C-alpha atoms as a PDB file:
ATOM      1  CA  GLU A   1       0.000   0.000   0.000  1.00  0.00           C
ATOM      2  CA  TYR A   2       1.103   3.555  -0.740  1.00  0.00           C
ATOM      3  CA  GLN A   3       1.095   6.022   2.098  1.00  0.00           C
ATOM      4  CA  GLY A   4      -1.549   8.687   1.613  1.00  0.00           C
ATOM      5  CA  LEU A   5      -3.333   6.797  -1.172  1.00  0.00           C
ATOM      6  CA  TRP A   6      -7.031   6.473  -0.396  1.00  0.00           C
ATOM      7  CA  ASN A   7      -8.260   5.181  -3.747  1.00  0.00           C
ATOM      8  CA  ALA A   8      -6.737   4.061  -7.038  1.00  0.00           C
ATOM      9  CA  MET A   9      -7.594   2.506 -10.392  1.00  0.00           C
ATOM     10  CA  GLY A  10      -5.241   0.851 -12.848  1.00  0.00           C
ATOM     11  CA  VAL A  11      -5.641  -0.337 -16.426  1.00  0.00           C
ATOM     12  CA  PRO A  12      -3.193  -2.597 -18.318  1.00  0.00           C
ATOM     13  CA  MET A  13      -1.657  -1.419 -21.605  1.00  0.00           C
ATOM     14  CA  VAL A  14      -2.059  -4.368 -23.954  1.00  0.00           C
ATOM     15  CA  ASP A  15      -0.597  -4.877 -27.456  1.00  0.00           C
ATOM     16  CA  ALA A  16      -2.282  -6.537 -30.428  1.00  0.00           C
ATOM     17  CA  GLN A  17      -1.095  -9.979 -29.264  1.00  0.00           C
ATOM     18  CA  GLY A  18      -2.642  -9.518 -25.829  1.00  0.00           C
ATOM     19  CA  ARG A  19       0.660  -9.017 -24.032  1.00  0.00           C
ATOM     20  CA  ILE A  20       0.675  -6.608 -21.101  1.00  0.00           C
ATOM     21  CA  LEU A  21       3.364  -3.978 -21.687  1.00  0.00           C
ATOM     22  CA  GLY A  22       2.606  -1.729 -18.745  1.00  0.00           C
ATOM     23  CA  VAL A  23      -0.039  -0.324 -16.449  1.00  0.00           C
ATOM     24  CA  LEU A  24      -1.585   3.130 -16.304  1.00  0.00           C
ATOM     25  CA  GLU A  25      -2.658   3.930 -12.749  1.00  0.00           C
ATOM     26  CA  ILE A  26      -4.466   6.928 -11.265  1.00  0.00           C
ATOM     27  CA  GLY A  27      -5.317   7.632  -7.641  1.00  0.00           C
ATOM     28  CA  ASN A  28      -6.607  10.047  -5.026  1.00  0.00           C
ATOM     29  CA  LYS A  29      -9.627  11.310  -6.928  1.00  0.00           C
ATOM     30  CA  VAL A  30     -10.470  14.903  -6.101  1.00  0.00           C
ATOM     31  CA  GLY A  31     -13.099  15.090  -3.375  1.00  0.00           C
ATOM     32  CA  ARG A  32     -12.262  11.556  -2.205  1.00  0.00           C
ATOM     33  CA  SER A  33     -15.230  10.271  -4.183  1.00  0.00           C
ATOM     34  CA  PRO A  34     -15.062   6.742  -5.614  1.00  0.00           C
ATOM     35  CA  PHE A  35     -14.154   6.115  -9.265  1.00  0.00           C
ATOM     36  CA  THR A  36     -17.152   5.623 -11.538  1.00  0.00           C
ATOM     37  CA  ALA A  37     -17.771   3.507 -14.631  1.00  0.00           C
ATOM     38  CA  GLN A  38     -17.237   6.645 -16.724  1.00  0.00           C
ATOM     39  CA  ASP A  39     -13.826   7.113 -15.074  1.00  0.00           C
ATOM     40  CA  GLU A  40     -12.980   3.532 -15.980  1.00  0.00           C
ATOM     41  CA  ARG A  41     -13.906   4.048 -19.633  1.00  0.00           C
ATOM     42  CA  LEU A  42     -11.837   7.242 -19.733  1.00  0.00           C
ATOM     43  CA  ILE A  43      -8.689   5.672 -18.294  1.00  0.00           C
ATOM     44  CA  LYS A  44      -9.000   2.773 -20.736  1.00  0.00           C
ATOM     45  CA  VAL A  45      -8.967   5.278 -23.605  1.00  0.00           C
ATOM     46  CA  LEU A  46      -5.994   7.078 -22.055  1.00  0.00           C
ATOM     47  CA  ALA A  47      -4.163   3.767 -21.604  1.00  0.00           C
ATOM     48  CA  SER A  48      -4.716   2.949 -25.276  1.00  0.00           C
ATOM     49  CA  HIS A  49      -3.287   6.332 -26.329  1.00  0.00           C
ATOM     50  CA  ALA A  50      -0.367   5.910 -23.928  1.00  0.00           C
ATOM     51  CA  TYR A  51       0.468   2.495 -25.408  1.00  0.00           C
ATOM     52  CA  THR A  52       0.322   3.921 -28.952  1.00  0.00           C
ATOM     53  CA  SER A  53       2.709   6.735 -27.986  1.00  0.00           C
ATOM     54  CA  ILE A  54       5.140   4.286 -26.367  1.00  0.00           C
ATOM     55  CA  LYS A  55       5.001   2.037 -29.438  1.00  0.00           C
ATOM     56  CA  HIS A  56       5.750   4.965 -31.751  1.00  0.00           C
ATOM     57  CA  CYS A  57       8.698   5.985 -29.574  1.00  0.00           C
ATOM     58  CA  ARG A  58      10.112   2.463 -29.760  1.00  0.00           C
ATOM     59  CA  VAL A  59       9.688   2.361 -33.535  1.00  0.00           C
ATOM     60  CA  TYR A  60      11.367   5.762 -33.792  1.00  0.00           C
ATOM     61  CA  GLU A  61      14.323   4.614 -31.676  1.00  0.00           C
ATOM     62  CA  ALA A  62      14.666   1.430 -33.750  1.00  0.00           C
ATOM     63  CA  THR A  63      14.540   3.487 -36.971  1.00  0.00           C
ATOM     64  CA  LEU A  64      17.255   5.823 -35.692  1.00  0.00           C
ATOM     65  CA  ALA A  65      19.454   2.840 -34.863  1.00  0.00           C
ATOM     66  CA  LYS A  66      18.901   1.402 -38.356  1.00  0.00           C
ATOM     67  CA  VAL A  67      19.646   4.766 -39.991  1.00  0.00           C
ATOM     68  CA  ASP A  68      22.868   5.056 -37.991  1.00  0.00           C
ATOM     69  CA  GLY A  69      23.883   1.604 -39.220  1.00  0.00           C
ATOM     70  CA  THR A  70      23.022   2.541 -42.795  1.00  0.00           C
ATOM     71  CA  LYS A  71      25.030   5.769 -42.546  1.00  0.00           C
ATOM     72  CA  HIS A  72      28.037   3.746 -41.336  1.00  0.00           C
ATOM     73  CA  ILE A  73      27.814   1.437 -44.352  1.00  0.00           C
ATOM     74  CA  LEU A  74      27.353   4.368 -46.743  1.00  0.00           C
ATOM     75  CA  ARG A  75      30.450   5.994 -45.251  1.00  0.00           C
ATOM     76  CA  GLN A  76      32.302   2.777 -46.109  1.00  0.00           C
ATOM     77  CA  VAL A  77      31.113   3.119 -49.704  1.00  0.00           C
ATOM     78  CA  VAL A  78      32.314   6.738 -49.835  1.00  0.00           C
ATOM     79  CA  THR A  79      35.672   5.637 -48.404  1.00  0.00           C
ATOM     80  CA  LEU A  80      35.876   3.031 -51.144  1.00  0.00           C
ATOM     81  CA  VAL A  81      35.274   5.720 -53.783  1.00  0.00           C
ATOM     82  CA  LYS A  82      38.089   7.812 -52.322  1.00  0.00           C
ATOM     83  CA  GLN A  83      40.422   4.813 -52.310  1.00  0.00           C
ATOM     84  CA  VAL A  84      39.656   4.144 -55.966  1.00  0.00           C
ATOM     85  CA  ALA A  85      40.326   7.802 -56.802  1.00  0.00           C
ATOM     86  CA  VAL A  86      43.724   7.645 -55.099  1.00  0.00           C
ATOM     87  CA  SER A  87      44.576   4.332 -56.773  1.00  0.00           C
ATOM     88  CA  PHE A  88      43.461   5.379 -60.233  1.00  0.00           C
ATOM     89  CA  PRO A  89      46.955   6.096 -61.638  1.00  0.00           C
ATOM     90  CA  GLN A  90      48.179   2.765 -60.253  1.00  0.00           C
ATOM     91  CA  THR A  91      47.229  -0.811 -60.920  1.00  0.00           C
ATOM     92  CA  LEU A  92      43.663  -1.267 -59.712  1.00  0.00           C
ATOM     93  CA  GLU A  93      42.013  -4.572 -58.785  1.00  0.00           C
ATOM     94  CA  TYR A  94      38.656  -3.977 -60.399  1.00  0.00           C
ATOM     95  CA  ALA A  95      37.114  -7.243 -59.184  1.00  0.00           C
ATOM     96  CA  SER A  96      37.873  -6.339 -55.558  1.00  0.00           C
ATOM     97  CA  ALA A  97      36.224  -2.931 -55.961  1.00  0.00           C
ATOM     98  CA  TYR A  98      33.199  -4.497 -57.683  1.00  0.00           C
ATOM     99  CA  GLY A  99      32.864  -7.019 -54.861  1.00  0.00           C
ATOM    100  CA  ALA A 100      33.031  -4.259 -52.224  1.00  0.00           C
ATOM    101  CA  ILE A 101      30.239  -2.369 -53.997  1.00  0.00           C
ATOM    102  CA  VAL A 102      27.945  -5.396 -54.086  1.00  0.00           C
ATOM    103  CA  ASP A 103      28.789  -6.397 -50.515  1.00  0.00           C
ATOM    104  CA  SER A 104      28.025  -2.899 -49.181  1.00  0.00           C
ATOM    105  CA  THR A 105      24.755  -2.838 -51.117  1.00  0.00           C
ATOM    106  CA  CYS A 106      23.700  -6.202 -49.684  1.00  0.00           C
ATOM    107  CA  GLN A 107      24.509  -5.026 -46.156  1.00  0.00           C
ATOM    108  CA  VAL A 108      22.499  -1.818 -46.533  1.00  0.00           C
ATOM    109  CA  LEU A 109      19.427  -3.596 -47.911  1.00  0.00           C
ATOM    110  CA  GLY A 110      19.720  -6.763 -45.819  1.00  0.00           C
ATOM    111  CA  CYS A 111      20.143  -9.127 -48.784  1.00  0.00           C
ATOM    112  CA  LEU A 112      22.219 -12.263 -49.131  1.00  0.00           C
ATOM    113  CA  ARG A 113      22.821 -11.955 -52.854  1.00  0.00           C
ATOM    114  CA  GLY A 114      23.609  -9.111 -55.195  1.00  0.00           C
ATOM    115  CA  THR A 115      25.090  -8.525 -58.621  1.00  0.00           C
ATOM    116  CA  LEU A 116      26.870  -5.644 -60.309  1.00  0.00           C
ATOM    117  CA  TYR A 117      26.585  -5.413 -64.091  1.00  0.00           C
ATOM    118  CA  VAL A 118      29.277  -3.411 -65.848  1.00  0.00           C
ATOM    119  CA  GLY A 119      29.086  -2.477 -69.541  1.00  0.00           C
ATOM    120  CA  LEU A 120      31.986  -3.406 -71.795  1.00  0.00           C
ATOM    121  CA  GLY A 121      31.261  -0.663 -74.333  1.00  0.00           C
ATOM    122  CA  GLY A 122      31.358  -1.064 -78.096  1.00  0.00           C
ATOM    123  CA  ALA A 123      28.609  -1.177 -80.674  1.00  0.00           C
ATOM    124  CA  HIS A 124      27.072  -4.345 -79.209  1.00  0.00           C
ATOM    125  CA  ARG A 125      25.959  -3.862 -75.626  1.00  0.00           C
ATOM    126  CA  GLN A 126      27.664  -6.539 -73.546  1.00  0.00           C
ATOM    127  CA  TRP A 127      27.789  -6.790 -69.765  1.00  0.00           C
ATOM    128  CA  MET A 128      30.050  -8.405 -67.221  1.00  0.00           C
ATOM    129  CA  ALA A 129      28.486  -9.456 -63.935  1.00  0.00           C
ATOM    130  CA  TYR A 130      30.154  -9.677 -60.499  1.00  0.00           C
ATOM    131  CA  ASP A 131      28.905 -10.986 -57.133  1.00  0.00           C
ATOM    132  CA  ARG A 132      29.637  -9.710 -53.601  1.00  0.00           C
ATOM    133  CA  ASP A 133      32.912 -11.667 -53.511  1.00  0.00           C
ATOM    134  CA  GLY A 134      34.144  -9.904 -56.643  1.00  0.00           C
ATOM    135  CA  LYS A 135      33.841 -13.097 -58.683  1.00  0.00           C
ATOM    136  CA  GLN A 136      32.616 -12.917 -62.233  1.00  0.00           C
ATOM    137  CA  VAL A 137      29.162 -14.438 -62.576  1.00  0.00           C
ATOM    138  CA  LYS A 138      28.988 -16.887 -65.440  1.00  0.00           C
ATOM    139  CA  GLU A 139      25.207 -17.157 -65.663  1.00  0.00           C
ATOM    140  CA  ARG A 140      23.405 -14.997 -68.178  1.00  0.00           C
ATOM    141  CA  CYS A 141      21.904 -11.630 -67.299  1.00  0.00           C
ATOM    142  CA  CYS A 142      18.430 -11.999 -65.765  1.00  0.00           C
ATOM    143  CA  GLN A 143      15.444 -10.624 -67.683  1.00  0.00           C
ATOM    144  CA  THR A 144      14.816  -7.882 -65.129  1.00  0.00           C
ATOM    145  CA  ALA A 145      18.386  -6.565 -65.248  1.00  0.00           C
ATOM    146  CA  ALA A 146      18.297  -6.621 -69.047  1.00  0.00           C
ATOM    147  CA  ARG A 147      15.100  -4.523 -69.078  1.00  0.00           C
ATOM    148  CA  VAL A 148      16.497  -2.067 -66.518  1.00  0.00           C
ATOM    149  CA  MET A 149      19.655  -1.522 -68.564  1.00  0.00           C
ATOM    150  CA  GLU A 150      17.520  -1.069 -71.660  1.00  0.00           C
ATOM    151  CA  THR A 151      15.024   1.391 -70.149  1.00  0.00           C
ATOM    152  CA  GLY A 152      17.207   3.079 -67.519  1.00  0.00           C
ATOM    153  CA  THR A 153      14.438   2.690 -64.914  1.00  0.00           C
ATOM    154  CA  LEU A 154      14.499   0.966 -61.518  1.00  0.00           C
ATOM    155  CA  MET A 155      12.411  -2.178 -61.280  1.00  0.00           C
ATOM    156  CA  ASN A 156      11.151  -3.718 -58.040  1.00  0.00           C
ATOM    157  CA  ASN A 157       9.610  -7.089 -58.863  1.00  0.00           C
ATOM    158  CA  THR A 158       8.697  -7.823 -55.240  1.00  0.00           C
ATOM    159  CA  LYS A 159       5.839  -5.309 -55.562  1.00  0.00           C
ATOM    160  CA  VAL A 160       4.428  -6.884 -58.734  1.00  0.00           C
ATOM    161  CA  PRO A 161       1.379  -9.131 -58.154  1.00  0.00           C
ATOM    162  CA  ARG A 162       2.532 -12.695 -58.565  1.00  0.00           C
ATOM    163  CA  ASN A 163      -0.828 -14.157 -59.549  1.00  0.00           C
ATOM    164  CA  GLU A 164      -2.841 -11.946 -61.832  1.00  0.00           C
ATOM    165  CA  CYS A 165      -5.187 -14.814 -62.687  1.00  0.00           C
ATOM    166  CA  SER A 166      -6.799 -14.656 -59.234  1.00  0.00           C
ATOM    167  CA  SER A 167      -7.898 -11.026 -59.798  1.00  0.00           C
ATOM    168  CA  ASN A 168      -8.576 -11.433 -63.516  1.00  0.00           C
ATOM    169  CA  PRO A 169     -10.684 -14.499 -64.314  1.00  0.00           C
ATOM    170  CA  THR A 170     -10.294 -13.876 -68.052  1.00  0.00           C
ATOM    171  CA  ALA A 171      -6.498 -14.026 -67.906  1.00  0.00           C
ATOM    172  CA  ILE A 172      -4.832 -17.041 -69.465  1.00  0.00           C
ATOM    173  CA  PRO A 173      -2.690 -18.817 -66.852  1.00  0.00           C
ATOM    174  CA  ALA A 174       0.954 -19.479 -67.667  1.00  0.00           C
ATOM    175  CA  THR A 175       1.624 -23.043 -68.658  1.00  0.00           C
ATOM    176  CA  THR A 176       4.936 -23.276 -66.837  1.00  0.00           C
ATOM    177  CA  THR A 177       6.899 -21.325 -64.251  1.00  0.00           C
ATOM    178  CA  THR A 178      10.635 -21.557 -64.719  1.00  0.00           C
ATOM    179  CA  ASP A 179      13.359 -21.152 -62.117  1.00  0.00           C
ATOM    180  CA  ASP A 180      14.305 -17.868 -63.821  1.00  0.00           C
ATOM    181  CA  ASP A 181      10.731 -16.580 -63.327  1.00  0.00           C
ATOM    182  CA  LEU A 182      10.829 -17.399 -59.614  1.00  0.00           C
ATOM    183  CA  LYS A 183      14.264 -15.831 -59.238  1.00  0.00           C
ATOM    184  CA  ASP A 184      13.233 -12.659 -61.095  1.00  0.00           C
ATOM    185  CA  ALA A 185      10.235 -12.279 -58.771  1.00  0.00           C
ATOM    186  CA  LYS A 186      12.637 -11.625 -55.877  1.00  0.00           C
ATOM    187  CA  MET A 187      14.712  -9.018 -57.735  1.00  0.00           C
ATOM    188  CA  MET A 188      15.139  -5.278 -57.429  1.00  0.00           C
ATOM    189  CA  VAL A 189      17.466  -3.644 -59.942  1.00  0.00           C
ATOM    190  CA  ALA A 190      18.582  -0.022 -60.352  1.00  0.00           C
ATOM    191  CA  PRO A 191      20.344   1.355 -63.429  1.00  0.00           C
ATOM    192  CA  ILE A 192      23.803   2.897 -63.173  1.00  0.00           C
ATOM    193  CA  THR A 193      23.921   5.952 -65.413  1.00  0.00           C
ATOM    194  CA  LEU A 194      26.369   8.630 -66.494  1.00  0.00           C
ATOM    195  CA  VAL A 195      25.933  11.921 -68.315  1.00  0.00           C
ATOM    196  CA  ASP A 196      26.555  11.279 -72.005  1.00  0.00           C
ATOM    197  CA  PRO A 197      30.035  12.682 -72.747  1.00  0.00           C
ATOM    198  CA  LEU A 198      29.081  13.162 -76.417  1.00  0.00           C
ATOM    199  CA  HIS A 199      25.944  15.110 -75.462  1.00  0.00           C
ATOM    200  CA  LEU A 200      23.895  13.012 -77.847  1.00  0.00           C
ATOM    201  CA  GLN A 201      21.469  12.096 -75.087  1.00  0.00           C
ATOM    202  CA  GLY A 202      20.953  13.079 -71.473  1.00  0.00           C
ATOM    203  CA  THR A 203      22.370  10.015 -69.774  1.00  0.00           C
ATOM    204  CA  VAL A 204      23.686   6.621 -70.786  1.00  0.00           C
ATOM    205  CA  VAL A 205      23.313   3.369 -68.876  1.00  0.00           C
ATOM    206  CA  ILE A 206      26.710   1.905 -68.020  1.00  0.00           C
ATOM    207  CA  GLY A 207      25.530  -0.920 -65.758  1.00  0.00           C
ATOM    208  CA  ALA A 208      23.074  -2.010 -63.103  1.00  0.00           C
ATOM    209  CA  LEU A 209      23.013  -2.862 -59.411  1.00  0.00           C
ATOM    210  CA  GLN A 210      20.865  -5.856 -58.537  1.00  0.00           C
ATOM    211  CA  VAL A 211      19.754  -7.344 -55.205  1.00  0.00           C
ATOM    212  CA  GLU A 212      17.768 -10.478 -54.486  1.00  0.00           C
ATOM    213  CA  GLY A 213      15.393 -10.710 -51.541  1.00  0.00           C
ATOM    214  CA  GLY A 214      14.392 -13.737 -49.543  1.00  0.00           C
ATOM    215  CA  PHE A 215      11.191 -15.713 -50.042  1.00  0.00           C
ATOM    216  CA  GLY A 216       8.205 -13.424 -49.454  1.00  0.00           C
ATOM    217  CA  GLN A 217      10.395 -10.360 -48.860  1.00  0.00           C
ATOM    218  CA  GLU A 218       9.087  -7.097 -50.295  1.00  0.00           C
ATOM    219  CA  PHE A 219      11.449  -4.200 -50.873  1.00  0.00           C
ATOM    220  CA  THR A 220      10.015  -0.906 -49.589  1.00  0.00           C
ATOM    221  CA  ALA A 221      10.065   2.555 -51.151  1.00  0.00           C
ATOM    222  CA  GLN A 222      12.854   3.501 -48.726  1.00  0.00           C
ATOM    223  CA  GLN A 223      14.928   0.547 -49.927  1.00  0.00           C
ATOM    224  CA  GLU A 224      14.307   1.618 -53.518  1.00  0.00           C
ATOM    225  CA  GLU A 225      15.718   5.056 -52.665  1.00  0.00           C
ATOM    226  CA  LEU A 226      18.736   3.467 -50.967  1.00  0.00           C
ATOM    227  CA  LEU A 227      19.451   1.287 -53.994  1.00  0.00           C
ATOM    228  CA  GLN A 228      19.228   4.320 -56.291  1.00  0.00           C
ATOM    229  CA  LEU A 229      21.586   6.197 -53.973  1.00  0.00           C
ATOM    230  CA  LEU A 230      24.081   3.335 -54.063  1.00  0.00           C
ATOM    231  CA  ALA A 231      23.732   3.092 -57.848  1.00  0.00           C
ATOM    232  CA  GLY A 232      24.597   6.804 -58.047  1.00  0.00           C
ATOM    233  CA  THR A 233      27.654   6.257 -55.861  1.00  0.00           C
ATOM    234  CA  THR A 234      28.644   3.324 -58.037  1.00  0.00           C
ATOM    235  CA  SER A 235      28.253   5.517 -61.115  1.00  0.00           C
ATOM    236  CA  ALA A 236      30.815   7.971 -59.734  1.00  0.00           C
ATOM    237  CA  LEU A 237      33.156   5.110 -58.866  1.00  0.00           C
ATOM    238  CA  LEU A 238      32.918   3.495 -62.305  1.00  0.00           C
ATOM    239  CA  ASP A 239      33.467   6.883 -63.932  1.00  0.00           C
ATOM    240  CA  ILE A 240      36.736   7.224 -62.006  1.00  0.00           C
ATOM    241  CA  MET A 241      37.785   3.689 -62.892  1.00  0.00           C
END
């Protein structure tokens, strides 16, 4: 018992799963009158608002921590760009730099796999692909990456409805689903562009930065912005190289 407390009422703060996260308690009602049913309804509303405020604060703190981690990784990317700039007149291990780019991108976006496509130039557009270890990828360019490098537009396949037949009864279902189709459905790819040095067009696509999510993972708008930011950083790096 609390000294000087003549009456009190408490209400639990409960989350969506029914877990009690705290208690909102009031006491010593003015006039020493007992708490009424109306008082009980009011404190329940206040407890609900209090829980919502606490939840938002926790989300905000978690977001700040994630942003701090992202800033640290982005600083590593900037450091890499500076290292490449210093090493430019010397012998440069391109594969190592490519691997560092992909690895940093995967860390920022929380992905296990990523690929960097680099254009070889020439009349026929050809691309070399590298993974996060800096190893050249032997498999052919995925359909999504090919379209991104053709259109110069980011594509996020995790936001594309995977079964249009369910919402469109007149649609003709696909006869087969290949491994490439399933793999492409987990892709997000951003183009790497540079200003056209010949001024024949605004920008030219010199590569692409690709990440692959896990099963059921959907890349958010914030992750799209991060990938575009990293693609821009990569553009500056490739221009130096």
